[in-house]
C-alpha atoms as a PDB file:
ATOM      1  CA  MET A   1       2.911  22.996 -13.037  1.00  0.00           C
ATOM      2  CA  PRO A   2       3.452  21.992  -9.520  1.00  0.00           C
ATOM      3  CA  THR A   3       0.833  20.360  -7.386  1.00  0.00           C
ATOM      4  CA  GLU A   4      -0.902  22.311  -5.078  1.00  0.00           C
ATOM      5  CA  PRO A   5      -0.017  21.700  -1.441  1.00  0.00           C
ATOM      6  CA  ILE A   6      -3.772  20.779  -0.447  1.00  0.00           C
ATOM      7  CA  ASP A   7      -4.116  18.206  -3.347  1.00  0.00           C
ATOM      8  CA  SER A   8      -0.819  16.476  -2.118  1.00  0.00           C
ATOM      9  CA  LEU A   9      -2.147  16.480   1.212  1.00  0.00           C
ATOM     10  CA  GLU A  10      -5.439  14.980   0.263  1.00  0.00           C
ATOM     11  CA  ARG A  11      -3.673  12.149  -1.748  1.00  0.00           C
ATOM     12  CA  PHE A  12      -1.261  11.566   0.962  1.00  0.00           C
ATOM     13  CA  GLY A  13      -4.094  11.331   3.702  1.00  0.00           C
ATOM     14  CA  ALA A  14      -6.298   9.155   1.643  1.00  0.00           C
ATOM     15  CA  ALA A  15      -3.468   6.724   0.942  1.00  0.00           C
ATOM     16  CA  TYR A  16      -2.196   6.937   4.392  1.00  0.00           C
ATOM     17  CA  LEU A  17      -5.819   5.778   5.699  1.00  0.00           C
ATOM     18  CA  ARG A  18      -6.269   3.178   3.122  1.00  0.00           C
ATOM     19  CA  LEU A  19      -2.849   1.739   3.891  1.00  0.00           C
ATOM     20  CA  ARG A  20      -3.722   1.638   7.606  1.00  0.00           C
ATOM     21  CA  GLN A  21      -6.984  -0.221   6.921  1.00  0.00           C
ATOM     22  CA  LEU A  22      -5.468  -2.662   4.456  1.00  0.00           C
ATOM     23  CA  LEU A  23      -2.812  -3.364   7.423  1.00  0.00           C
ATOM     24  CA  ALA A  24      -5.511  -4.087   9.946  1.00  0.00           C
ATOM     25  CA  ASP A  25      -7.498  -6.253   7.142  1.00  0.00           C
ATOM     26  CA  VAL A  26      -4.690  -8.411   6.671  1.00  0.00           C
ATOM     27  CA  GLY A  27      -3.496  -8.555  10.271  1.00  0.00           C
ATOM     28  CA  ASP A  28      -4.426 -12.164  10.836  1.00  0.00           C
ATOM     29  CA  ALA A  29      -4.313 -13.373   7.527  1.00  0.00           C
ATOM     30  CA  GLN A  30      -0.537 -12.983   6.905  1.00  0.00           C
ATOM     31  CA  TRP A  31      -0.217 -15.883   9.428  1.00  0.00           C
ATOM     32  CA  ARG A  32      -2.532 -18.298   7.567  1.00  0.00           C
ATOM     33  CA  ALA A  33      -2.005 -20.127   4.128  1.00  0.00           C
ATOM     34  CA  GLY A  34      -3.625 -18.648   1.325  1.00  0.00           C
ATOM     35  CA  LYS A  35      -7.494 -19.664   0.805  1.00  0.00           C
ATOM     36  CA  SER A  36      -7.473 -21.210  -2.639  1.00  0.00           C
ATOM     37  CA  PRO A  37      -7.466 -25.005  -2.446  1.00  0.00           C
ATOM     38  CA  VAL A  38      -4.064 -26.817  -2.550  1.00  0.00           C
ATOM     39  CA  PRO A  39      -4.059 -29.842  -4.543  1.00  0.00           C
ATOM     40  CA  LYS A  40      -3.834 -33.139  -2.566  1.00  0.00           C
ATOM     41  CA  GLU A  41      -2.175 -36.262  -3.191  1.00  0.00           C
ATOM     42  CA  ASP A  42      -4.649 -38.944  -4.817  1.00  0.00           C
ATOM     43  CA  THR A  43      -4.256 -42.154  -3.339  1.00  0.00           C
ATOM     44  CA  THR A  44      -6.138 -45.215  -2.565  1.00  0.00           C
ATOM     45  CA  GLU A  45      -4.201 -45.938   0.667  1.00  0.00           C
ATOM     46  CA  ARG A  46      -5.816 -45.902   4.092  1.00  0.00           C
ATOM     47  CA  SER A  47      -4.794 -43.403   6.515  1.00  0.00           C
ATOM     48  CA  LYS A  48      -2.090 -44.901   9.066  1.00  0.00           C
ATOM     49  CA  GLY A  49      -3.854 -42.840  11.873  1.00  0.00           C
ATOM     50  CA  LEU A  50      -1.210 -40.241  12.061  1.00  0.00           C
ATOM     51  CA  THR A  51      -2.486 -36.766  12.986  1.00  0.00           C
ATOM     52  CA  SER A  52      -2.038 -34.266  10.094  1.00  0.00           C
ATOM     53  CA  ASP A  53       0.059 -31.254  10.940  1.00  0.00           C
ATOM     54  CA  PRO A  54      -0.616 -28.345   8.598  1.00  0.00           C
ATOM     55  CA  THR A  55       2.010 -26.206  10.090  1.00  0.00           C
ATOM     56  CA  PRO A  56       4.897 -26.732   7.725  1.00  0.00           C
ATOM     57  CA  SER A  57       2.728 -26.170   4.757  1.00  0.00           C
ATOM     58  CA  ILE A  58       1.549 -22.867   6.415  1.00  0.00           C
ATOM     59  CA  VAL A  59       5.026 -21.719   7.062  1.00  0.00           C
ATOM     60  CA  VAL A  60       6.176 -22.282   3.459  1.00  0.00           C
ATOM     61  CA  ASP A  61       2.913 -21.093   1.767  1.00  0.00           C
ATOM     62  CA  ALA A  62       4.106 -18.668  -0.988  1.00  0.00           C
ATOM     63  CA  ARG A  63       0.843 -16.674  -0.917  1.00  0.00           C
ATOM     64  CA  ARG A  64       1.289 -16.092   2.998  1.00  0.00           C
ATOM     65  CA  LEU A  65       4.885 -15.284   2.649  1.00  0.00           C
ATOM     66  CA  ALA A  66       4.221 -12.650  -0.034  1.00  0.00           C
ATOM     67  CA  LEU A  67       1.341 -11.116   2.207  1.00  0.00           C
ATOM     68  CA  ARG A  68       3.700 -10.869   4.879  1.00  0.00           C
ATOM     69  CA  ALA A  69       6.398  -9.331   3.071  1.00  0.00           C
ATOM     70  CA  ALA A  70       4.028  -6.733   1.641  1.00  0.00           C
ATOM     71  CA  ALA A  71       2.579  -5.931   5.294  1.00  0.00           C
ATOM     72  CA  ILE A  72       6.121  -5.314   6.594  1.00  0.00           C
ATOM     73  CA  ALA A  73       7.060  -3.128   3.561  1.00  0.00           C
ATOM     74  CA  ALA A  74       3.580  -1.109   4.082  1.00  0.00           C
ATOM     75  CA  GLY A  75       4.352  -0.889   7.858  1.00  0.00           C
ATOM     76  CA  ALA A  76       7.987   0.326   6.926  1.00  0.00           C
ATOM     77  CA  ALA A  77       6.450   2.741   4.181  1.00  0.00           C
ATOM     78  CA  LEU A  78       3.946   4.422   6.911  1.00  0.00           C
ATOM     79  CA  ASP A  79       6.832   4.766   9.457  1.00  0.00           C
ATOM     80  CA  GLN A  80       9.104   6.427   6.765  1.00  0.00           C
ATOM     81  CA  ALA A  81       6.177   8.791   5.677  1.00  0.00           C
ATOM     82  CA  GLY A  82       5.752   9.988   8.991  1.00  0.00           C
ATOM     83  CA  ARG A  83       9.352  10.678   9.768  1.00  0.00           C
ATOM     84  CA  VAL A  84       9.490  12.525   6.187  1.00  0.00           C
ATOM     85  CA  MET A  85       6.377  14.521   7.142  1.00  0.00           C
ATOM     86  CA  GLN A  86       7.815  15.401  10.644  1.00  0.00           C
ATOM     87  CA  ALA A  87      11.078  16.447   9.210  1.00  0.00           C
ATOM     88  CA  ALA A  88       9.455  18.618   6.487  1.00  0.00           C
ATOM     89  CA  GLU A  89       6.926  20.221   8.951  1.00  0.00           C
ATOM     90  CA  ARG A  90      10.032  21.160  11.535  1.00  0.00           C
ATOM     91  CA  HIS A  91      11.802  22.524   8.370  1.00  0.00           C
ATOM     92  CA  LEU A  92       9.182  24.808   7.328  1.00  0.00           C
ATOM     93  CA  ASN A  93       8.095  25.916  10.779  1.00  0.00           C
ATOM     94  CA  ASP A  94      11.670  26.748  11.561  1.00  0.00           C
ATOM     95  CA  ALA A  95      11.845  28.742   8.198  1.00  0.00           C
ATOM     96  CA  PHE A  96       8.636  30.502   8.855  1.00  0.00           C
ATOM     97  CA  GLU A  97       9.709  31.511  12.479  1.00  0.00           C
ATOM     98  CA  LYS A  98      12.816  32.942  11.224  1.00  0.00           C
ATOM     99  CA  TRP A  99      10.889  34.786   8.414  1.00  0.00           C
ATOM    100  CA  GLN A 100       8.802  36.288  11.084  1.00  0.00           C
ATOM    101  CA  GLY A 101      11.637  37.508  12.882  1.00  0.00           C
END
């Protein structure tokens, strides 16, 4: 049995709104390293007075990269869904107007 249009619309709307919220939630996080601790080298050597630069470890953090890729894919999915819905609306509207004469 085909899904009723209203059920599909409600599922689409709920998924769309949740995805938009998730994208907002991960907005800043996708540029930072994951929150779980990363093991540090255990050493008894004293610091040499150099300033630690966390940038390289943030850039290559696998969790950050995965989150960034997922955010890009989600944004692309939203764009594609919008285009598909607009095309479907135009097609249905054109057919309905032709039917009306």
